Structures are given as structure tokens and as C-alpha cells.
Amino acid sequence: MFTEACGNDNLHGPMADPAVPPVLCFGEVLWDALPRGLFPGGAPINVAYHLQKLGLTAYPVTAVGADFLGEELIRRLDRWGLDSRFVNVLPDKQTGVVRAHIQPDGSAKYEIVEDVAWDWIEPDTSVFDMAARGASMLFGTLAQRSEHNRKQLDALLQKMAGGLRIYDVNLRPPFTDPEIIRHLAEQSDLIKLNDEELEVVTNRLYPTVSLDKAANEYAAGVGCERVCVTAGARGAGMVENGKWHWVDGRPVVVRDTVGAGDSFLASLIHGLIGPVKRSPVEALTRACRLGEFVASSDGATPHYAVAPDGTVYPQ
């Protein structure tokens, strides 16, 4: 059943640059139950995987149950080269599982089990110390469904000094409380969402209002410097300090879209804070190419390498 278990073993990315502070990836870790088997997932963990493949240090900040599925997730993180020291093991909660139902167009609908280990994340003092020393913080909406996690994340964000606050909106109904979404957005330096999510958070319909106008209005409304909007096969755009940048997508044969947005975001983060700072258009271009590769692959964490020019090669 663990289809992916023999796939990514020991295929680490390039050595991380110690001069670049790490990214703390706060949120859910779980098993995606897909038609082709069980795949490790959870948006923050997927992003951490791709950040590590691209050469940044990423720490999952999450929790699993004291069960076989939890043990296997930690083993998988370790074999990917991700440091699992901040993954809590909770004896009284089960490891998270999501049943992903793939639609005819390759998109996915999700059935998310509630009150699982990642609803009870407990960052230790080392995580707070990293936040205070310039680490960036990635967080999403889903893990904030629990009041416990909201308090922990707020405490971490208050400790941050110098790092990038990255909000991956990543809406998963019914966990779409508008007040929580607004609160998270107002604490962010970079917001990433897709065009459908932009409609939800702005109550706008497209193409009645253009993506660039809506993204600019949203960025101004929540006081965020950068808002990135993905639009599936059409491409992606980003508002940065009021200026709109756009990159067209390229056609691919979609296997499933699970994790494509997470890989896109990891590449965008790498372009913004990595050892080579890239222009918005170059960062978006590289992010689109990686997202397209993942959409054309099975699961959220396929094998690949990235050439210096941004070309993605399967391994």
C-alpha cells in the first residue's frame, strides 16, 4: 500500500547554504490516500520537501500519532533529508489521514479526518529561538482549525525577527473561517493563493474583475507586500509593492494536481530568499515550471533535479 515508500529514499537536494536562515513549516502532516496508494503529504510538509530539494533548510513543525503511520511519516521525512526533531509524537492522537478523490480533470477533493495529532502542535523552545534569529515561517489555513494551533502560531509570529512570514491560503472546506483567514493574511509578508481562493477571500468573480486588480486590492486591504495568485494552466502572477507581474503556464499532461501548488510555492520562496535573489518574473517562471512538473507526476513529492537555468529533470 505504501506505493511511494521505495521511491524518494536518499534522494536529497543540494547542500543547503548555511548563510540563508531556515524556513519553519508549521502545520499538518498526513497521509494522502490516493487511488494509486498512500503518499505522505500535508501542504507545509510538501513545501518543506521541495525547499530541501532546492537547497534551503526547512524544518517541519508538526505532530504525528504514536502509531505505525506516524512512525512511517517520520521515517520518510528522515530519508528525504528533512530534520524531524520538531515533529511531536502524541500517544493519545492518531496520525492524520486525508482521502483525496481525484476528479476527471485531475483536480482533487479532500475528506479530512478531524482531531488528529497535527491539530495539537507544540513547538519547543528551539523553534521559538529560530524564529527570533531570522528564520522564515510558512503556515496555512487548515492547521488553524484548532484553537490550540492558532495560539501556538501567533506566539511564534510574535517572536519572529527578520524572516519572511508566508501564508499559503490553501482552502480546504469546511475549514474556511473568514475571520481566521483575514487574521493570518494581515500577519503575512507573502500570501499565496489560487484564483478560486482569491474569489472567496475578495467576494469577486472573474473575469468581471481582473486578477491583477483583485490581487492589488487584496494586498492593500490586508497590508501585505506580496500576493501571488496561481491560475492553473493559464500561469501565475504576483503583486509586489503594487506592481503586477505575470508568467504564462505551459501545457502538460496532468496526472494529478496534488502538491503542485506546494512545489510552486517552494520554488517561489527559494527565488525570494535563497542565495540567489531572483526578479519576480524569474521567480514566477521557475515556480511555474516546477509546479507543472509535479502536476504531470504521481503524488506531491516526485523525484527530480533542477538545472541552473530552472529546467526540471525527473530522476
Protein backbone atom coordinates (compact mmCIF):
# COMPACT_ATOMS: atom_id res chain seq x y z
CA MET A 1 0.00 0.00 0.00
CA PHE A 2 2.91 2.37 0.63
CA THR A 3 3.42 2.90 -3.10
CA GLU A 4 5.85 5.77 -2.74
CA ALA A 5 7.94 4.19 0.03
CA CYS A 6 10.73 2.92 -2.19
CA GLY A 7 10.74 6.00 -4.42
CA ASN A 8 12.30 9.01 -2.76
CA ASP A 9 14.77 7.26 -0.44
CA ASN A 10 18.04 9.11 -0.06
CA LEU A 11 17.36 11.46 -2.96
CA HIS A 12 18.27 14.67 -1.15
CA GLY A 13 18.64 18.05 -2.78
CA PRO A 14 21.79 20.18 -2.98
CA MET A 15 23.59 21.16 0.19
CA ALA A 16 21.81 24.00 1.99
CA ASP A 17 23.56 27.36 2.15
CA PRO A 18 24.24 27.98 5.87
CA ALA A 19 24.10 31.74 5.25
CA VAL A 20 20.37 31.52 4.45
CA PRO A 21 18.18 31.21 7.58
CA PRO A 22 15.88 28.17 7.64
CA VAL A 23 12.17 28.03 6.89
CA LEU A 24 9.91 26.73 9.67
CA CYS A 25 6.98 24.88 8.08
CA PHE A 26 4.14 24.94 10.61
CA GLY A 27 1.09 22.77 10.05
CA GLU A 28 -0.34 19.46 9.02
CA VAL A 29 1.50 16.26 8.16
CA LEU A 30 -0.59 13.34 6.98
CA TRP A 31 -1.10 10.54 4.54
CA ASP A 32 -2.87 11.34 1.27
CA ALA A 33 -4.91 8.28 0.35
CA LEU A 34 -4.90 8.41 -3.47
CA PRO A 35 -6.17 5.78 -5.93
CA ARG A 36 -2.54 4.74 -6.56
CA GLY A 37 -1.66 4.29 -2.89
CA LEU A 38 -0.68 6.22 0.23
CA PHE A 39 1.55 9.25 -0.18
CA PRO A 40 2.99 11.45 2.58
CA GLY A 41 1.52 14.90 2.44
CA GLY A 42 0.18 17.98 4.09
CA ALA A 43 0.91 21.29 2.38
CA PRO A 44 3.60 22.54 4.83
CA ILE A 45 5.45 19.23 4.61
CA ASN A 46 5.22 19.18 0.83
CA VAL A 47 6.67 22.68 0.75
CA ALA A 48 9.46 21.60 3.12
CA TYR A 49 10.30 18.66 0.84
CA HIS A 50 10.66 20.92 -2.20
CA LEU A 51 12.57 23.61 -0.30
CA GLN A 52 15.06 20.95 0.74
CA LYS A 53 15.29 19.69 -2.87
CA LEU A 54 16.06 23.25 -3.98
CA GLY A 55 18.79 23.73 -1.38
CA LEU A 56 17.16 25.55 1.54
CA THR A 57 16.97 24.26 5.11
CA ALA A 58 13.36 23.55 6.07
CA TYR A 59 12.07 22.22 9.39
CA PRO A 60 8.61 20.63 9.64
CA VAL A 61 6.87 21.84 12.81
CA THR A 62 4.02 19.39 13.24
CA ALA A 63 2.78 16.28 15.08
CA VAL A 64 2.01 12.61 14.43
CA GLY A 65 0.44 9.87 16.49
CA ALA A 66 2.36 7.13 18.30
CA ASP A 67 1.23 4.63 15.67
CA PHE A 68 2.61 2.88 12.62
CA LEU A 69 1.51 5.64 10.24
CA GLY A 70 3.28 8.21 12.41
CA GLU A 71 6.45 6.16 12.58
CA GLU A 72 6.41 5.77 8.81
CA LEU A 73 5.96 9.51 8.27
CA ILE A 74 8.95 10.32 10.48
CA ARG A 75 10.99 7.65 8.73
CA ARG A 76 10.04 9.16 5.37
CA LEU A 77 10.99 12.68 6.44
CA ASP A 78 14.35 11.41 7.65
CA ARG A 79 15.03 9.60 4.38
CA TRP A 80 14.20 12.75 2.46
CA GLY A 81 16.85 14.55 4.46
CA LEU A 82 14.32 16.62 6.40
CA ASP A 83 15.13 17.10 10.08
CA SER A 84 12.21 15.68 12.09
CA ARG A 85 13.31 16.96 15.51
CA PHE A 86 10.28 19.30 15.70
CA VAL A 87 7.71 16.61 14.89
CA ASN A 88 5.82 15.87 18.12
CA VAL A 89 4.74 12.26 18.74
CA LEU A 90 1.42 12.22 20.62
CA PRO A 91 0.34 8.94 22.26
CA ASP A 92 -3.33 9.93 22.57
CA LYS A 93 -3.95 11.12 18.98
CA GLN A 94 -3.91 9.33 15.64
CA THR A 95 -1.78 10.34 12.69
CA GLY A 96 -3.59 12.46 10.13
CA VAL A 97 -5.12 10.91 7.01
CA VAL A 98 -6.79 12.61 4.05
CA ARG A 99 -8.73 10.76 1.42
CA ALA A 100 -8.15 12.58 -1.86
CA HIS A 101 -10.79 11.91 -4.51
CA ILE A 102 -9.32 12.70 -7.94
CA GLN A 103 -11.77 14.33 -10.37
CA PRO A 104 -11.84 13.70 -14.15
CA ASP A 105 -9.87 16.92 -14.79
CA GLY A 106 -7.09 15.82 -12.43
CA SER A 107 -8.13 18.11 -9.57
CA ALA A 108 -8.75 16.68 -6.11
CA LYS A 109 -11.47 16.86 -3.48
CA TYR A 110 -10.49 16.03 0.08
CA GLU A 111 -12.03 14.20 3.02
CA ILE A 112 -10.02 15.33 6.06
CA VAL A 113 -10.11 13.39 9.35
CA GLU A 114 -10.56 15.70 12.35
CA ASP A 115 -8.98 15.89 15.84
CA VAL A 116 -5.74 14.20 14.86
CA ALA A 117 -2.17 14.72 16.03
CA TRP A 118 -1.39 17.78 13.87
CA ASP A 119 -4.29 19.64 15.49
CA TRP A 120 -2.12 19.70 18.65
CA ILE A 121 1.29 21.04 17.55
CA GLU A 122 3.55 22.07 20.45
CA PRO A 123 6.69 23.91 19.24
CA ASP A 124 9.63 23.64 21.63
CA THR A 125 11.93 26.45 22.70
CA SER A 126 14.33 25.80 19.82
CA VAL A 127 11.61 26.68 17.30
CA PHE A 128 10.97 29.98 19.08
CA ASP A 129 14.71 30.65 19.17
CA MET A 130 14.98 30.09 15.40
CA ALA A 131 12.05 32.43 14.80
CA ALA A 132 13.79 35.11 16.86
CA ARG A 133 17.06 34.65 14.91
CA GLY A 134 15.72 35.33 11.41
CA ALA A 135 14.01 32.10 10.31
CA SER A 136 11.13 32.43 7.87
CA MET A 137 7.74 30.93 8.75
CA LEU A 138 5.36 29.09 6.43
CA PHE A 139 1.80 28.48 7.60
CA GLY A 140 -1.58 27.71 6.09
CA THR A 141 -5.28 27.85 6.85
CA LEU A 142 -6.06 24.20 7.53
CA ALA A 143 -3.88 23.72 10.61
CA GLN A 144 -5.50 26.78 12.17
CA ARG A 145 -8.80 24.93 12.50
CA SER A 146 -7.79 24.21 16.11
CA GLU A 147 -7.63 27.00 18.69
CA HIS A 148 -4.53 25.36 20.16
CA ASN A 149 -2.60 25.72 16.91
CA ARG A 150 -3.78 29.29 16.40
CA LYS A 151 -2.33 30.26 19.79
CA GLN A 152 0.96 28.49 19.06
CA LEU A 153 1.35 30.12 15.65
CA ASP A 154 0.51 33.57 16.99
CA ALA A 155 3.19 33.15 19.67
CA LEU A 156 5.75 32.13 17.04
CA LEU A 157 4.89 35.02 14.73
CA GLN A 158 5.31 37.46 17.61
CA LYS A 159 8.84 36.13 18.15
CA MET A 160 9.90 36.50 14.53
CA ALA A 161 12.67 38.91 13.66
CA GLY A 162 13.74 39.38 10.06
CA GLY A 163 12.31 36.29 8.42
CA LEU A 164 9.57 36.10 5.78
CA ARG A 165 6.03 35.36 7.00
CA ILE A 166 4.49 33.18 4.29
CA TYR A 167 0.77 32.43 4.25
CA ASP A 168 -0.35 29.61 1.96
CA VAL A 169 -4.12 30.16 1.94
CA ASN A 170 -4.82 26.63 0.63
CA LEU A 171 -8.54 26.49 1.50
CA ARG A 172 -9.97 23.08 2.39
CA PRO A 173 -13.72 23.31 3.11
CA PRO A 174 -15.26 23.32 5.63
CA PHE A 175 -12.20 24.84 7.34
CA THR A 176 -12.55 28.29 5.77
CA ASP A 177 -13.44 30.68 8.59
CA PRO A 178 -13.23 34.22 7.07
CA GLU A 179 -12.03 35.77 10.34
CA ILE A 180 -9.16 33.29 10.65
CA ILE A 181 -8.17 33.81 7.00
CA ARG A 182 -8.17 37.59 7.45
CA HIS A 183 -6.14 37.37 10.67
CA LEU A 184 -3.50 35.19 9.02
CA ALA A 185 -3.33 37.41 5.93
CA GLU A 186 -2.78 40.54 7.99
CA GLN A 187 0.28 38.98 9.62
CA SER A 188 1.92 37.98 6.33
CA ASP A 189 4.70 39.30 4.08
CA LEU A 190 3.83 36.90 1.25
CA ILE A 191 0.40 35.40 0.55
CA LYS A 192 -0.03 32.62 -2.00
CA LEU A 193 -3.46 31.54 -3.20
CA ASN A 194 -5.12 30.34 -6.39
CA ASP A 195 -7.63 32.25 -8.47
CA GLU A 196 -10.62 30.42 -6.98
CA GLU A 197 -9.39 31.20 -3.47
CA LEU A 198 -8.94 34.84 -4.46
CA GLU A 199 -12.62 34.88 -5.43
CA VAL A 200 -13.51 33.53 -1.98
CA VAL A 201 -11.42 35.98 0.05
CA THR A 202 -12.44 39.03 -2.03
CA ASN A 203 -16.02 38.05 -2.93
CA ARG A 204 -15.19 38.86 -6.56
CA LEU A 205 -15.98 36.98 -9.76
CA TYR A 206 -13.61 36.76 -12.72
CA PRO A 207 -13.14 37.90 -15.43
CA THR A 208 -15.55 40.64 -14.29
CA VAL A 209 -12.64 41.93 -12.24
CA SER A 210 -9.13 41.18 -13.49
CA LEU A 211 -6.77 39.09 -11.40
CA ASP A 212 -4.23 41.87 -11.17
CA LYS A 213 -6.78 44.39 -9.90
CA ALA A 214 -8.25 41.96 -7.38
CA ALA A 215 -4.79 40.91 -6.15
CA ASN A 216 -3.74 44.54 -5.75
CA GLU A 217 -6.90 45.37 -3.84
CA TYR A 218 -6.48 42.35 -1.60
CA ALA A 219 -2.82 43.13 -0.90
CA ALA A 220 -3.72 46.69 0.05
CA GLY A 221 -6.69 45.58 2.15
CA VAL A 222 -4.68 43.21 4.33
CA GLY A 223 -1.47 45.23 4.28
CA CYS A 224 0.68 42.56 2.61
CA GLU A 225 3.70 43.43 0.46
CA ARG A 226 3.36 40.45 -1.90
CA VAL A 227 0.31 38.47 -3.06
CA CYS A 228 0.86 35.62 -5.51
CA VAL A 229 -2.07 34.14 -7.48
CA THR A 230 -1.86 30.86 -9.37
CA ALA A 231 -4.34 30.26 -12.18
CA GLY A 232 -3.82 26.62 -13.14
CA ALA A 233 -2.73 26.05 -16.72
CA ARG A 234 -3.00 29.77 -17.50
CA GLY A 235 0.01 30.66 -15.33
CA ALA A 236 0.64 32.75 -12.24
CA GLY A 237 1.02 36.36 -11.19
CA MET A 238 2.30 38.31 -8.23
CA VAL A 239 1.71 41.76 -6.83
CA GLU A 240 4.87 43.16 -5.28
CA ASN A 241 4.59 46.63 -3.75
CA GLY A 242 1.68 47.47 -6.03
CA LYS A 243 3.26 46.22 -9.28
CA TRP A 244 1.78 43.21 -11.10
CA HIS A 245 4.00 40.53 -12.67
CA TRP A 246 2.63 37.64 -14.77
CA VAL A 247 4.05 34.42 -16.29
CA ASP A 248 2.13 32.17 -18.69
CA GLY A 249 1.80 28.47 -17.98
CA ARG A 250 2.91 25.68 -20.29
CA PRO A 251 0.69 22.74 -21.25
CA VAL A 252 1.37 19.40 -19.56
CA VAL A 253 -0.44 16.08 -19.31
CA VAL A 254 -1.85 16.18 -15.78
CA ARG A 255 -1.58 13.05 -13.62
CA ASP A 256 -2.94 14.76 -10.51
CA THR A 257 -2.62 18.24 -9.08
CA VAL A 258 -1.89 17.12 -5.50
CA GLY A 259 1.11 19.11 -4.29
CA ALA A 260 1.61 21.14 -7.48
CA GLY A 261 0.83 24.38 -5.68
CA ASP A 262 3.14 23.40 -2.82
CA SER A 263 6.08 22.87 -5.17
CA PHE A 264 5.27 26.17 -6.89
CA LEU A 265 5.36 27.96 -3.54
CA ALA A 266 8.64 26.32 -2.50
CA SER A 267 10.29 27.47 -5.72
CA LEU A 268 8.89 30.98 -5.30
CA ILE A 269 10.23 31.15 -1.73
CA HIS A 270 13.61 29.93 -2.95
CA GLY A 271 13.65 32.71 -5.54
CA LEU A 272 12.82 35.35 -2.94
CA ILE A 273 15.06 34.35 -0.01
CA GLY A 274 17.55 31.85 -1.47
CA PRO A 275 21.25 32.53 -2.03
CA VAL A 276 20.44 33.96 -5.49
CA LYS A 277 17.68 36.59 -5.23
CA ARG A 278 15.61 36.50 -8.39
CA SER A 279 13.36 39.04 -10.05
CA PRO A 280 9.61 38.48 -9.62
CA VAL A 281 9.24 37.26 -13.22
CA GLU A 282 12.18 34.86 -12.97
CA ALA A 283 10.98 33.53 -9.61
CA LEU A 284 7.47 33.04 -11.00
CA THR A 285 8.79 31.35 -14.14
CA ARG A 286 10.83 28.81 -12.19
CA ALA A 287 7.90 28.22 -9.83
CA CYS A 288 5.53 27.56 -12.75
CA ARG A 289 7.91 25.05 -14.34
CA LEU A 290 8.27 23.07 -11.10
CA GLY A 291 4.52 23.15 -10.43
CA GLU A 292 3.84 21.88 -13.95
CA PHE A 293 6.31 19.04 -13.45
CA VAL A 294 4.63 17.96 -10.21
CA ALA A 295 1.16 18.16 -11.81
CA SER A 296 2.40 15.78 -14.50
CA SER A 297 3.74 13.33 -11.86
CA ASP A 298 2.18 10.97 -9.32
CA GLY A 299 1.75 12.47 -5.86
CA ALA A 300 3.14 15.60 -4.27
CA THR A 301 6.81 14.62 -3.87
CA PRO A 302 8.18 13.09 -7.09
CA HIS A 303 11.91 12.67 -7.78
CA TYR A 304 13.58 15.45 -9.74
CA ALA A 305 16.58 17.70 -10.07
CA VAL A 306 16.63 21.36 -11.12
CA ALA A 307 19.28 22.65 -13.52
CA PRO A 308 20.85 26.09 -13.02
CA ASP A 309 18.58 27.51 -15.72
CA GLY A 310 15.49 26.28 -13.86
CA THR A 311 14.75 23.26 -16.08
CA VAL A 312 13.25 20.40 -14.05
CA TYR A 313 14.51 16.87 -14.76
CA PRO A 314 12.86 13.70 -13.44
CA GLN A 315 15.13 11.27 -11.61
